[in-house]
Amino acid sequence: MKDRISRFLKEEGISPAKFADILNVQRSSISHYLSGRNNPSLDFIQKILSKFKYINPEWLLLGKGDMYRQGFSDILRTHATEISLDAPQISPPLEFNFQHSDTVSTEIIEPEKAKNEDKSDYVSDKQKNIEKIVVFYSDQTFKEYFPGK
């Protein structure tokens, strides 16, 4: 079945990612089906047949008959022509004119000094103390700080 799905995608000009988006399934599942790692589920096959009503179910499931249902192939050719005629024209790329300058700004930007203001006003309950601070890093690690100890 993976070969038939691949053939359908090639015939329709649909990328596996676009196919996954159309069927509202994860892209990895399409990759697994096309590589032969997993077999398509019944739910997946039903999604294909409901979104692409012109596919011959017997061809998709068993490999018998034509890819498209009777009478759909002519309609598809007509629509494919209409789609290519209605496609928006691609404009030429924009041209950018970058000018190189050898002058460098020598202005020194000083950092702002922290104001020494009383931060205790921000704490609503003066009886509360910080017990622990946890910092999470982007590499999925963390560090705990215990300021009172």
N, C-alpha and C. Protein backbone atom coordinates (compact mmCIF):
# COMPACT_ATOMS: atom_id res chain seq x y z
N MET A 1 0.82 -1.19 0.00
CA MET A 1 0.00 0.00 0.00
C MET A 1 0.87 1.25 0.00
N LYS A 2 2.06 1.16 0.59
CA LYS A 2 2.93 2.34 0.63
C LYS A 2 3.30 2.79 -0.78
N ASP A 3 3.46 1.83 -1.70
CA ASP A 3 3.78 2.19 -3.08
C ASP A 3 2.62 2.92 -3.75
N ARG A 4 1.40 2.51 -3.44
CA ARG A 4 0.23 3.16 -4.03
C ARG A 4 0.06 4.57 -3.46
N ILE A 5 0.31 4.73 -2.17
CA ILE A 5 0.22 6.07 -1.58
C ILE A 5 1.30 6.97 -2.19
N SER A 6 2.51 6.44 -2.34
CA SER A 6 3.60 7.21 -2.96
C SER A 6 3.25 7.59 -4.39
N ARG A 7 2.69 6.65 -5.13
CA ARG A 7 2.31 6.92 -6.52
C ARG A 7 1.23 8.00 -6.57
N PHE A 8 0.26 7.92 -5.66
CA PHE A 8 -0.81 8.92 -5.62
C PHE A 8 -0.22 10.30 -5.34
N LEU A 9 0.68 10.39 -4.36
CA LEU A 9 1.29 11.68 -4.03
C LEU A 9 2.06 12.24 -5.22
N LYS A 10 2.79 11.37 -5.90
CA LYS A 10 3.56 11.81 -7.07
C LYS A 10 2.63 12.27 -8.18
N GLU A 11 1.57 11.50 -8.42
CA GLU A 11 0.60 11.82 -9.48
C GLU A 11 -0.10 13.15 -9.20
N GLU A 12 -0.42 13.39 -7.94
CA GLU A 12 -1.13 14.62 -7.55
C GLU A 12 -0.18 15.80 -7.34
N GLY A 13 1.12 15.51 -7.22
CA GLY A 13 2.08 16.58 -6.97
C GLY A 13 1.98 17.12 -5.55
N ILE A 14 1.69 16.25 -4.61
CA ILE A 14 1.53 16.65 -3.21
C ILE A 14 2.73 16.13 -2.42
N SER A 15 3.32 17.00 -1.62
CA SER A 15 4.43 16.56 -0.76
C SER A 15 3.86 15.80 0.43
N PRO A 16 4.66 14.94 1.04
CA PRO A 16 4.18 14.23 2.23
C PRO A 16 3.74 15.17 3.35
N ALA A 17 4.42 16.29 3.50
CA ALA A 17 4.05 17.26 4.55
C ALA A 17 2.68 17.86 4.25
N LYS A 18 2.45 18.24 3.00
CA LYS A 18 1.16 18.81 2.60
C LYS A 18 0.05 17.76 2.75
N PHE A 19 0.36 16.52 2.40
CA PHE A 19 -0.59 15.42 2.52
C PHE A 19 -1.00 15.25 3.98
N ALA A 20 -0.03 15.31 4.88
CA ALA A 20 -0.32 15.20 6.32
C ALA A 20 -1.21 16.34 6.78
N ASP A 21 -0.92 17.55 6.29
CA ASP A 21 -1.74 18.71 6.67
C ASP A 21 -3.17 18.57 6.15
N ILE A 22 -3.33 18.09 4.93
CA ILE A 22 -4.66 17.91 4.35
C ILE A 22 -5.47 16.90 5.16
N LEU A 23 -4.81 15.81 5.55
CA LEU A 23 -5.51 14.74 6.29
C LEU A 23 -5.59 15.02 7.79
N ASN A 24 -4.91 16.07 8.22
CA ASN A 24 -4.89 16.43 9.64
C ASN A 24 -4.30 15.30 10.48
N VAL A 25 -3.15 14.80 10.04
CA VAL A 25 -2.41 13.77 10.78
C VAL A 25 -0.98 14.28 10.97
N GLN A 26 -0.25 13.62 11.85
CA GLN A 26 1.13 14.02 12.09
C GLN A 26 2.00 13.69 10.88
N ARG A 27 2.94 14.57 10.61
CA ARG A 27 3.82 14.37 9.46
C ARG A 27 4.67 13.11 9.63
N SER A 28 5.03 12.81 10.86
CA SER A 28 5.85 11.62 11.10
C SER A 28 5.11 10.34 10.73
N SER A 29 3.79 10.33 10.90
CA SER A 29 3.04 9.12 10.55
C SER A 29 3.08 8.88 9.04
N ILE A 30 3.02 9.95 8.24
CA ILE A 30 3.14 9.81 6.78
C ILE A 30 4.52 9.25 6.44
N SER A 31 5.53 9.77 7.09
CA SER A 31 6.89 9.30 6.86
C SER A 31 7.02 7.81 7.19
N HIS A 32 6.42 7.40 8.29
CA HIS A 32 6.47 5.99 8.69
C HIS A 32 5.72 5.10 7.71
N TYR A 33 4.59 5.57 7.20
CA TYR A 33 3.83 4.78 6.22
C TYR A 33 4.62 4.64 4.92
N LEU A 34 5.21 5.75 4.46
CA LEU A 34 5.92 5.73 3.18
C LEU A 34 7.23 4.94 3.25
N SER A 35 7.83 4.90 4.42
CA SER A 35 9.08 4.13 4.57
C SER A 35 8.81 2.65 4.81
N GLY A 36 7.56 2.30 5.10
CA GLY A 36 7.22 0.91 5.36
C GLY A 36 7.38 0.51 6.82
N ARG A 37 7.74 1.47 7.66
CA ARG A 37 7.91 1.16 9.09
C ARG A 37 6.58 0.74 9.71
N ASN A 38 5.51 1.48 9.38
CA ASN A 38 4.17 1.17 9.90
C ASN A 38 3.22 0.94 8.73
N ASN A 39 2.19 0.15 8.99
CA ASN A 39 1.12 0.00 8.01
C ASN A 39 0.03 1.02 8.31
N PRO A 40 -0.61 1.56 7.27
CA PRO A 40 -1.67 2.55 7.49
C PRO A 40 -2.83 1.95 8.28
N SER A 41 -3.38 2.74 9.19
CA SER A 41 -4.52 2.29 9.98
C SER A 41 -5.81 2.49 9.19
N LEU A 42 -6.87 1.88 9.67
CA LEU A 42 -8.18 2.04 9.03
C LEU A 42 -8.60 3.51 9.05
N ASP A 43 -8.35 4.18 10.17
CA ASP A 43 -8.70 5.59 10.30
C ASP A 43 -7.97 6.42 9.24
N PHE A 44 -6.70 6.13 9.02
CA PHE A 44 -5.91 6.85 8.03
C PHE A 44 -6.46 6.63 6.62
N ILE A 45 -6.78 5.40 6.30
CA ILE A 45 -7.34 5.08 4.97
C ILE A 45 -8.69 5.78 4.78
N GLN A 46 -9.50 5.80 5.84
CA GLN A 46 -10.79 6.48 5.75
C GLN A 46 -10.60 7.98 5.52
N LYS A 47 -9.60 8.56 6.14
CA LYS A 47 -9.32 9.99 5.93
C LYS A 47 -8.93 10.25 4.48
N ILE A 48 -8.11 9.37 3.92
CA ILE A 48 -7.71 9.53 2.52
C ILE A 48 -8.95 9.48 1.62
N LEU A 49 -9.78 8.46 1.83
CA LEU A 49 -10.95 8.28 0.96
C LEU A 49 -11.99 9.38 1.15
N SER A 50 -12.06 9.98 2.34
CA SER A 50 -13.04 11.05 2.54
C SER A 50 -12.54 12.38 1.98
N LYS A 51 -11.23 12.63 2.04
CA LYS A 51 -10.68 13.89 1.52
C LYS A 51 -10.49 13.84 0.00
N PHE A 52 -10.17 12.67 -0.52
CA PHE A 52 -9.93 12.50 -1.95
C PHE A 52 -10.96 11.51 -2.49
N LYS A 53 -12.16 12.00 -2.69
CA LYS A 53 -13.29 11.14 -3.06
C LYS A 53 -13.12 10.50 -4.43
N TYR A 54 -12.21 11.01 -5.23
CA TYR A 54 -12.03 10.49 -6.58
C TYR A 54 -11.06 9.31 -6.63
N ILE A 55 -10.46 8.94 -5.48
CA ILE A 55 -9.58 7.76 -5.46
C ILE A 55 -10.44 6.50 -5.46
N ASN A 56 -10.05 5.54 -6.25
CA ASN A 56 -10.72 4.25 -6.29
C ASN A 56 -10.31 3.45 -5.04
N PRO A 57 -11.26 3.18 -4.12
CA PRO A 57 -10.91 2.46 -2.88
C PRO A 57 -10.32 1.09 -3.14
N GLU A 58 -10.79 0.41 -4.18
CA GLU A 58 -10.27 -0.92 -4.50
C GLU A 58 -8.81 -0.84 -4.92
N TRP A 59 -8.46 0.23 -5.64
CA TRP A 59 -7.07 0.42 -6.03
C TRP A 59 -6.21 0.71 -4.80
N LEU A 60 -6.71 1.59 -3.94
CA LEU A 60 -5.93 1.97 -2.76
C LEU A 60 -5.70 0.78 -1.84
N LEU A 61 -6.76 -0.01 -1.60
CA LEU A 61 -6.65 -1.12 -0.66
C LEU A 61 -5.99 -2.36 -1.25
N LEU A 62 -6.37 -2.70 -2.49
CA LEU A 62 -5.95 -3.98 -3.06
C LEU A 62 -5.03 -3.86 -4.27
N GLY A 63 -4.92 -2.67 -4.83
CA GLY A 63 -4.10 -2.50 -6.02
C GLY A 63 -4.79 -2.93 -7.29
N LYS A 64 -6.12 -3.09 -7.26
CA LYS A 64 -6.87 -3.53 -8.44
C LYS A 64 -7.56 -2.33 -9.09
N GLY A 65 -7.59 -2.33 -10.40
CA GLY A 65 -8.29 -1.28 -11.13
C GLY A 65 -7.43 -0.03 -11.29
N ASP A 66 -8.12 1.05 -11.70
CA ASP A 66 -7.44 2.32 -11.91
C ASP A 66 -7.32 3.09 -10.61
N MET A 67 -6.39 4.04 -10.59
CA MET A 67 -6.20 4.86 -9.40
C MET A 67 -7.43 5.72 -9.12
N TYR A 68 -8.03 6.24 -10.18
CA TYR A 68 -9.18 7.13 -10.02
C TYR A 68 -10.48 6.39 -10.32
N ARG A 69 -11.52 6.82 -9.66
CA ARG A 69 -12.84 6.23 -9.92
C ARG A 69 -13.26 6.54 -11.35
N GLN A 70 -14.18 5.76 -11.86
CA GLN A 70 -14.68 5.93 -13.22
C GLN A 70 -15.24 7.34 -13.38
N GLY A 71 -14.81 8.03 -14.43
CA GLY A 71 -15.34 9.36 -14.74
C GLY A 71 -14.59 10.49 -14.06
N PHE A 72 -13.76 10.19 -13.09
CA PHE A 72 -13.06 11.26 -12.38
C PHE A 72 -11.79 11.70 -13.10
N SER A 73 -11.16 10.84 -13.87
CA SER A 73 -9.87 11.19 -14.47
C SER A 73 -10.01 12.35 -15.46
N ASP A 74 -11.09 12.39 -16.24
CA ASP A 74 -11.30 13.49 -17.18
C ASP A 74 -11.53 14.79 -16.44
N ILE A 75 -12.32 14.73 -15.38
CA ILE A 75 -12.61 15.93 -14.59
C ILE A 75 -11.32 16.46 -13.97
N LEU A 76 -10.49 15.56 -13.47
CA LEU A 76 -9.24 15.98 -12.84
C LEU A 76 -8.32 16.67 -13.84
N ARG A 77 -8.24 16.14 -15.04
CA ARG A 77 -7.40 16.78 -16.05
C ARG A 77 -7.90 18.19 -16.35
N THR A 78 -9.23 18.35 -16.43
CA THR A 78 -9.81 19.66 -16.68
C THR A 78 -9.49 20.62 -15.55
N HIS A 79 -9.68 20.18 -14.31
CA HIS A 79 -9.41 21.05 -13.16
C HIS A 79 -7.93 21.36 -13.03
N ALA A 80 -7.07 20.42 -13.36
CA ALA A 80 -5.63 20.67 -13.27
C ALA A 80 -5.24 21.78 -14.23
N THR A 81 -5.86 21.78 -15.44
CA THR A 81 -5.58 22.84 -16.40
C THR A 81 -6.08 24.17 -15.88
N GLU A 82 -7.30 24.20 -15.32
CA GLU A 82 -7.85 25.44 -14.78
C GLU A 82 -6.99 25.97 -13.64
N ILE A 83 -6.52 25.08 -12.80
CA ILE A 83 -5.71 25.50 -11.66
C ILE A 83 -4.42 26.14 -12.15
N SER A 84 -3.79 25.55 -13.16
CA SER A 84 -2.53 26.12 -13.63
C SER A 84 -2.75 27.47 -14.30
N LEU A 85 -3.92 27.67 -14.95
CA LEU A 85 -4.20 28.96 -15.57
C LEU A 85 -4.54 30.02 -14.53
N ASP A 86 -5.18 29.62 -13.44
CA ASP A 86 -5.58 30.57 -12.41
C ASP A 86 -4.47 30.85 -11.39
N ALA A 87 -3.38 30.13 -11.49
CA ALA A 87 -2.31 30.30 -10.50
C ALA A 87 -1.73 31.70 -10.59
N PRO A 88 -1.43 32.31 -9.47
CA PRO A 88 -0.87 33.66 -9.50
C PRO A 88 0.52 33.65 -10.14
N GLN A 89 0.81 34.70 -10.87
CA GLN A 89 2.11 34.81 -11.51
C GLN A 89 3.15 35.20 -10.46
N ILE A 90 4.31 34.63 -10.59
CA ILE A 90 5.39 34.93 -9.65
C ILE A 90 6.11 36.16 -10.14
N SER A 91 6.23 37.13 -9.26
CA SER A 91 6.91 38.36 -9.63
C SER A 91 8.42 38.16 -9.54
N PRO A 92 9.18 38.95 -10.29
CA PRO A 92 10.64 38.80 -10.23
C PRO A 92 11.15 39.15 -8.83
N PRO A 93 12.29 38.63 -8.48
CA PRO A 93 12.80 38.91 -7.13
C PRO A 93 13.09 40.39 -6.94
N LEU A 94 12.94 40.85 -5.73
CA LEU A 94 13.21 42.25 -5.41
C LEU A 94 14.72 42.49 -5.43
N GLU A 95 15.09 43.68 -5.86
CA GLU A 95 16.51 44.02 -5.87
C GLU A 95 16.79 44.93 -4.69
N PHE A 96 17.85 44.62 -3.98
CA PHE A 96 18.25 45.43 -2.85
C PHE A 96 19.59 46.08 -3.17
N ASN A 97 19.68 47.35 -2.89
CA ASN A 97 20.93 48.07 -3.08
C ASN A 97 21.50 48.40 -1.71
N PHE A 98 22.51 47.65 -1.32
CA PHE A 98 23.16 47.90 -0.04
C PHE A 98 24.38 48.78 -0.29
N GLN A 99 24.52 49.79 0.53
CA GLN A 99 25.67 50.66 0.40
C GLN A 99 26.60 50.42 1.57
N HIS A 100 27.87 50.22 1.23
CA HIS A 100 28.86 49.96 2.26
C HIS A 100 29.40 51.29 2.77
N SER A 101 29.56 51.40 4.05
CA SER A 101 30.10 52.61 4.64
C SER A 101 31.26 52.23 5.54
N ASP A 102 32.36 52.99 5.40
CA ASP A 102 33.53 52.73 6.22
C ASP A 102 33.50 53.50 7.53
N THR A 103 32.54 54.36 7.71
CA THR A 103 32.48 55.14 8.95
C THR A 103 31.86 54.31 10.05
N VAL A 104 32.45 54.42 11.21
CA VAL A 104 31.98 53.68 12.37
C VAL A 104 31.64 54.68 13.45
N SER A 105 30.52 54.47 14.08
CA SER A 105 30.12 55.37 15.16
C SER A 105 31.02 55.14 16.36
N THR A 106 31.53 56.22 16.92
CA THR A 106 32.41 56.12 18.09
C THR A 106 31.69 56.47 19.37
N GLU A 107 30.41 56.66 19.27
CA GLU A 107 29.62 57.02 20.45
C GLU A 107 29.58 55.84 21.42
N ILE A 108 29.92 56.12 22.67
CA ILE A 108 29.91 55.08 23.70
C ILE A 108 28.57 55.15 24.42
N ILE A 109 27.92 54.03 24.46
CA ILE A 109 26.63 53.96 25.13
C ILE A 109 26.86 53.37 26.51
N GLU A 110 26.57 54.17 27.50
CA GLU A 110 26.77 53.74 28.88
C GLU A 110 25.53 52.98 29.37
N PRO A 111 25.75 51.90 30.13
CA PRO A 111 24.59 51.20 30.69
C PRO A 111 23.93 52.04 31.77
N GLU A 112 22.65 51.87 31.89
CA GLU A 112 21.93 52.62 32.92
C GLU A 112 22.28 52.06 34.29
N LYS A 113 22.45 52.96 35.22
CA LYS A 113 22.76 52.55 36.58
C LYS A 113 21.47 52.13 37.27
N ALA A 114 21.59 51.09 38.06
CA ALA A 114 20.43 50.62 38.82
C ALA A 114 20.12 51.64 39.92
N LYS A 115 18.86 51.92 40.07
CA LYS A 115 18.44 52.86 41.11
C LYS A 115 18.39 52.13 42.44
N ASN A 116 18.90 52.76 43.46
CA ASN A 116 18.83 52.17 44.80
C ASN A 116 17.52 52.58 45.45
N GLU A 117 16.51 51.83 45.18
CA GLU A 117 15.23 52.10 45.80
C GLU A 117 14.86 50.94 46.69
N ASP A 118 14.02 51.21 47.63
CA ASP A 118 13.63 50.20 48.60
C ASP A 118 12.70 49.20 47.93
N LYS A 119 13.17 47.99 47.79
CA LYS A 119 12.39 46.94 47.14
C LYS A 119 11.41 46.28 48.10
N SER A 120 11.50 46.59 49.36
CA SER A 120 10.63 45.93 50.33
C SER A 120 9.17 46.32 50.14
N ASP A 121 8.92 47.43 49.43
CA ASP A 121 7.54 47.82 49.17
C ASP A 121 6.85 46.82 48.24
N TYR A 122 7.64 46.10 47.46
CA TYR A 122 7.06 45.16 46.52
C TYR A 122 6.59 43.87 47.19
N VAL A 123 7.09 43.59 48.35
CA VAL A 123 6.69 42.39 49.07
C VAL A 123 5.48 42.75 49.93
N SER A 124 4.36 42.09 49.67
CA SER A 124 3.14 42.45 50.37
C SER A 124 3.11 41.92 51.79
N ASP A 125 3.70 40.77 52.00
CA ASP A 125 3.67 40.18 53.34
C ASP A 125 5.11 40.04 53.81
N LYS A 126 5.51 40.86 54.75
CA LYS A 126 6.89 40.89 55.21
C LYS A 126 7.24 39.65 56.03
N GLN A 127 6.27 38.82 56.37
CA GLN A 127 6.51 37.60 57.13
C GLN A 127 7.00 36.46 56.23
N LYS A 128 6.81 36.60 54.93
CA LYS A 128 7.17 35.53 54.01
C LYS A 128 8.65 35.64 53.64
N ASN A 129 9.29 34.48 53.53
CA ASN A 129 10.69 34.40 53.11
C ASN A 129 10.79 33.45 51.93
N ILE A 130 11.74 33.72 51.07
CA ILE A 130 11.97 32.85 49.92
C ILE A 130 12.70 31.61 50.41
N GLU A 131 12.16 30.45 50.08
CA GLU A 131 12.77 29.19 50.49
C GLU A 131 13.64 28.61 49.39
N LYS A 132 13.15 28.69 48.14
CA LYS A 132 13.87 28.02 47.06
C LYS A 132 13.61 28.76 45.75
N ILE A 133 14.64 28.85 44.91
CA ILE A 133 14.53 29.40 43.56
C ILE A 133 15.00 28.30 42.61
N VAL A 134 14.18 28.01 41.59
CA VAL A 134 14.53 26.99 40.62
C VAL A 134 14.71 27.66 39.26
N VAL A 135 15.86 27.41 38.62
CA VAL A 135 16.15 27.96 37.30
C VAL A 135 16.17 26.80 36.31
N PHE A 136 15.37 26.91 35.25
CA PHE A 136 15.30 25.87 34.22
C PHE A 136 16.10 26.34 33.00
N TYR A 137 16.96 25.47 32.49
CA TYR A 137 17.80 25.79 31.35
C TYR A 137 17.24 25.15 30.08
N SER A 138 17.65 25.70 28.93
CA SER A 138 17.14 25.22 27.64
C SER A 138 17.59 23.80 27.31
N ASP A 139 18.63 23.29 27.98
CA ASP A 139 19.07 21.92 27.73
C ASP A 139 18.36 20.91 28.62
N GLN A 140 17.20 21.31 29.15
CA GLN A 140 16.34 20.46 29.97
C GLN A 140 16.94 20.13 31.34
N THR A 141 17.90 20.94 31.81
CA THR A 141 18.43 20.77 33.16
C THR A 141 17.91 21.90 34.03
N PHE A 142 18.13 21.78 35.33
CA PHE A 142 17.70 22.83 36.23
C PHE A 142 18.67 22.92 37.39
N LYS A 143 18.59 24.05 38.10
CA LYS A 143 19.43 24.28 39.27
C LYS A 143 18.54 24.87 40.35
N GLU A 144 18.69 24.36 41.56
CA GLU A 144 17.92 24.86 42.70
C GLU A 144 18.83 25.71 43.57
N TYR A 145 18.32 26.85 44.00
CA TYR A 145 19.04 27.73 44.92
C TYR A 145 18.22 27.87 46.19
N PHE A 146 18.90 27.80 47.31
CA PHE A 146 18.27 27.95 48.62
C PHE A 146 18.89 29.18 49.29
N PRO A 147 18.29 30.37 49.13
CA PRO A 147 18.91 31.60 49.62
C PRO A 147 19.05 31.68 51.14
N GLY A 148 18.21 31.01 51.88
CA GLY A 148 18.26 31.11 53.34
C GLY A 148 19.31 30.22 53.96
N LYS A 149 19.95 29.36 53.20
CA LYS A 149 20.88 28.38 53.77
C LYS A 149 22.30 28.64 53.35
